[in-house]
C-alpha atoms as a PDB file:
ATOM      1  CA  MET A   1     129.471 116.068  84.259  1.00  0.00           C
ATOM      2  CA  GLU A   2     127.607 118.998  85.885  1.00  0.00           C
ATOM      3  CA  ASP A   3     127.003 117.248  89.198  1.00  0.00           C
ATOM      4  CA  CYS A   4     130.426 115.722  89.638  1.00  0.00           C
ATOM      5  CA  ILE A   5     132.310 117.312  92.654  1.00  0.00           C
ATOM      6  CA  PHE A   6     135.722 116.675  91.040  1.00  0.00           C
ATOM      7  CA  CYS A   7     134.616 118.272  87.757  1.00  0.00           C
ATOM      8  CA  LYS A   8     133.479 121.361  89.783  1.00  0.00           C
ATOM      9  CA  ILE A   9     136.863 121.467  91.542  1.00  0.00           C
ATOM     10  CA  ILE A  10     138.563 121.366  88.106  1.00  0.00           C
ATOM     11  CA  LYS A  11     136.381 124.296  86.933  1.00  0.00           C
ATOM     12  CA  GLY A  12     137.169 126.263  90.108  1.00  0.00           C
ATOM     13  CA  GLU A  13     133.545 126.187  91.351  1.00  0.00           C
ATOM     14  CA  ILE A  14     134.640 124.449  94.452  1.00  0.00           C
ATOM     15  CA  PRO A  15     137.877 125.557  96.174  1.00  0.00           C
ATOM     16  CA  SER A  16     140.693 123.130  96.714  1.00  0.00           C
ATOM     17  CA  LYS A  17     144.174 123.170  98.171  1.00  0.00           C
ATOM     18  CA  LYS A  18     146.091 122.452  95.032  1.00  0.00           C
ATOM     19  CA  VAL A  19     149.391 120.576  95.096  1.00  0.00           C
ATOM     20  CA  TYR A  20     149.962 120.220  91.385  1.00  0.00           C
ATOM     21  CA  GLU A  21     148.131 121.196  88.141  1.00  0.00           C
ATOM     22  CA  ASP A  22     148.856 120.874  84.409  1.00  0.00           C
ATOM     23  CA  ASP A  23     146.679 120.569  81.219  1.00  0.00           C
ATOM     24  CA  GLU A  24     145.790 116.939  81.926  1.00  0.00           C
ATOM     25  CA  ILE A  25     145.634 116.368  85.658  1.00  0.00           C
ATOM     26  CA  LEU A  26     145.007 118.020  89.014  1.00  0.00           C
ATOM     27  CA  ALA A  27     146.261 117.096  92.475  1.00  0.00           C
ATOM     28  CA  PHE A  28     144.886 118.519  95.761  1.00  0.00           C
ATOM     29  CA  HIS A  29     144.798 117.813  99.455  1.00  0.00           C
ATOM     30  CA  ASP A  30     141.847 115.571 100.513  1.00  0.00           C
ATOM     31  CA  ILE A  31     139.352 117.387 102.769  1.00  0.00           C
ATOM     32  CA  SER A  32     138.919 114.220 104.951  1.00  0.00           C
ATOM     33  CA  PRO A  33     142.484 112.879 105.093  1.00  0.00           C
ATOM     34  CA  MET A  34     143.109 109.230 105.994  1.00  0.00           C
ATOM     35  CA  ALA A  35     146.828 109.805 106.561  1.00  0.00           C
ATOM     36  CA  PRO A  36     148.926 112.833 107.577  1.00  0.00           C
ATOM     37  CA  ILE A  37     149.615 113.256 103.806  1.00  0.00           C
ATOM     38  CA  HIS A  38     146.549 112.549 101.646  1.00  0.00           C
ATOM     39  CA  VAL A  39     146.442 113.969  98.137  1.00  0.00           C
ATOM     40  CA  VAL A  40     143.902 113.100  95.528  1.00  0.00           C
ATOM     41  CA  ILE A  41     145.056 113.081  91.883  1.00  0.00           C
ATOM     42  CA  ILE A  42     142.417 113.319  89.084  1.00  0.00           C
ATOM     43  CA  PRO A  43     142.455 113.602  85.249  1.00  0.00           C
ATOM     44  CA  LYS A  44     140.747 116.732  84.112  1.00  0.00           C
ATOM     45  CA  LYS A  45     138.674 114.695  81.618  1.00  0.00           C
ATOM     46  CA  HIS A  46     135.676 113.017  83.291  1.00  0.00           C
ATOM     47  CA  ILE A  47     136.054 109.288  83.295  1.00  0.00           C
ATOM     48  CA  SER A  48     133.752 107.676  85.870  1.00  0.00           C
ATOM     49  CA  SER A  49     135.913 104.698  86.972  1.00  0.00           C
ATOM     50  CA  ALA A  50     138.630 102.316  85.925  1.00  0.00           C
ATOM     51  CA  ASN A  51     135.957 100.357  84.082  1.00  0.00           C
ATOM     52  CA  GLU A  52     135.687 103.189  81.566  1.00  0.00           C
ATOM     53  CA  LEU A  53     139.482 103.155  80.660  1.00  0.00           C
ATOM     54  CA  THR A  54     140.233 102.544  76.989  1.00  0.00           C
ATOM     55  CA  GLU A  55     143.294 102.530  74.883  1.00  0.00           C
ATOM     56  CA  GLU A  56     142.328 106.116  73.864  1.00  0.00           C
ATOM     57  CA  ASN A  57     141.867 107.571  77.291  1.00  0.00           C
ATOM     58  CA  ALA A  58     144.295 105.632  79.545  1.00  0.00           C
ATOM     59  CA  SER A  59     147.537 107.700  78.781  1.00  0.00           C
ATOM     60  CA  PHE A  60     146.952 109.902  81.775  1.00  0.00           C
ATOM     61  CA  ILE A  61     147.469 106.976  84.211  1.00  0.00           C
ATOM     62  CA  SER A  62     151.263 106.907  83.659  1.00  0.00           C
ATOM     63  CA  HIS A  63     151.353 110.674  83.956  1.00  0.00           C
ATOM     64  CA  ILE A  64     149.424 110.379  87.249  1.00  0.00           C
ATOM     65  CA  TYR A  65     151.987 107.861  88.591  1.00  0.00           C
ATOM     66  CA  VAL A  66     154.998 109.949  87.417  1.00  0.00           C
ATOM     67  CA  THR A  67     153.522 113.042  89.009  1.00  0.00           C
ATOM     68  CA  ALA A  68     152.581 111.088  92.214  1.00  0.00           C
ATOM     69  CA  ALA A  69     156.222 110.279  92.638  1.00  0.00           C
ATOM     70  CA  LYS A  70     157.269 113.957  92.219  1.00  0.00           C
ATOM     71  CA  ILE A  71     154.548 115.006  94.634  1.00  0.00           C
ATOM     72  CA  ALA A  72     155.717 112.371  97.132  1.00  0.00           C
ATOM     73  CA  LYS A  73     159.311 113.744  96.849  1.00  0.00           C
ATOM     74  CA  GLU A  74     158.187 117.377  97.254  1.00  0.00           C
ATOM     75  CA  LEU A  75     156.139 116.383 100.407  1.00  0.00           C
ATOM     76  CA  GLY A  76     159.106 114.417 101.842  1.00  0.00           C
ATOM     77  CA  ILE A  77     157.667 110.860 101.806  1.00  0.00           C
ATOM     78  CA  ASP A  78     159.422 109.442  98.873  1.00  0.00           C
ATOM     79  CA  GLU A  79     162.090 107.680 100.934  1.00  0.00           C
ATOM     80  CA  SER A  80     159.855 106.575 103.880  1.00  0.00           C
ATOM     81  CA  GLY A  81     157.185 105.294 101.573  1.00  0.00           C
ATOM     82  CA  TYR A  82     153.695 105.977 100.382  1.00  0.00           C
ATOM     83  CA  ARG A  83     150.669 104.331  98.918  1.00  0.00           C
ATOM     84  CA  ILE A  84     148.749 105.119  95.657  1.00  0.00           C
ATOM     85  CA  VAL A  85     145.073 103.758  95.730  1.00  0.00           C
ATOM     86  CA  ASN A  86     142.387 103.689  93.173  1.00  0.00           C
ATOM     87  CA  ASN A  87     138.900 102.427  94.206  1.00  0.00           C
ATOM     88  CA  CYS A  88     136.564 101.097  91.468  1.00  0.00           C
ATOM     89  CA  GLY A  89     132.866 100.848  92.052  1.00  0.00           C
ATOM     90  CA  ALA A  90     130.744 101.068  95.214  1.00  0.00           C
ATOM     91  CA  ASP A  91     131.906  97.732  96.594  1.00  0.00           C
ATOM     92  CA  GLY A  92     135.467  98.709  95.878  1.00  0.00           C
ATOM     93  CA  GLY A  93     135.057 101.860  98.047  1.00  0.00           C
ATOM     94  CA  GLN A  94     134.605 104.476  95.270  1.00  0.00           C
ATOM     95  CA  THR A  95     132.461 107.268  96.574  1.00  0.00           C
ATOM     96  CA  VAL A  96     133.058 109.871  93.813  1.00  0.00           C
ATOM     97  CA  PHE A  97     132.467 108.590  90.405  1.00  0.00           C
ATOM     98  CA  HIS A  98     135.268 110.428  88.616  1.00  0.00           C
ATOM     99  CA  ILE A  99     138.378 108.243  88.447  1.00  0.00           C
ATOM    100  CA  HIS A 100     140.926 109.449  91.027  1.00  0.00           C
ATOM    101  CA  PHE A 101     143.994 108.200  92.869  1.00  0.00           C
ATOM    102  CA  HIS A 102     144.847 108.717  96.525  1.00  0.00           C
ATOM    103  CA  LEU A 103     148.424 109.409  97.424  1.00  0.00           C
ATOM    104  CA  LEU A 104     148.762 108.522 101.095  1.00  0.00           C
ATOM    105  CA  GLY A 105     151.791 108.711 103.370  1.00  0.00           C
ATOM    106  CA  GLY A 106     153.415 110.464 106.298  1.00  0.00           C
ATOM    107  CA  LYS A 107     153.037 107.428 108.682  1.00  0.00           C
ATOM    108  CA  LYS A 108     153.391 103.621 108.634  1.00  0.00           C
ATOM    109  CA  LEU A 109     150.296 102.499 106.825  1.00  0.00           C
ATOM    110  CA  ASN A 110     148.243  99.510 107.527  1.00  0.00           C
ATOM    111  CA  THR A 111     149.215  96.505 105.297  1.00  0.00           C
ATOM    112  CA  GLU A 112     146.196  94.485 105.914  1.00  0.00           C
ATOM    113  CA  LEU A 113     143.625  94.202 103.141  1.00  0.00           C
ATOM    114  CA  ALA A 114     139.967  94.811 103.962  1.00  0.00           C
END
């Protein structure tokens, strides 16, 4: 998608502070962090939201979760705890329509649901 901000980050058109990258996914620090540690993890293939997941394109999800655990360990939040969040659709809080996961930690997080 030519107007997708995450696709532009993947292409290097918009700079990011990368935490992890391989052939399938990219992880980078969020520019508007909601916690002391806030990393965004995205697939390099454009998928608009969880609603577009299929048997054929969903394999990256397990890869994202395994990588999130590695990132949490590298950033020193694996033992204290962290949260992985995916928002789906406008009412679910999704603001960038390229599926992505937020890795949040570095403080005690609110446990109340909105």
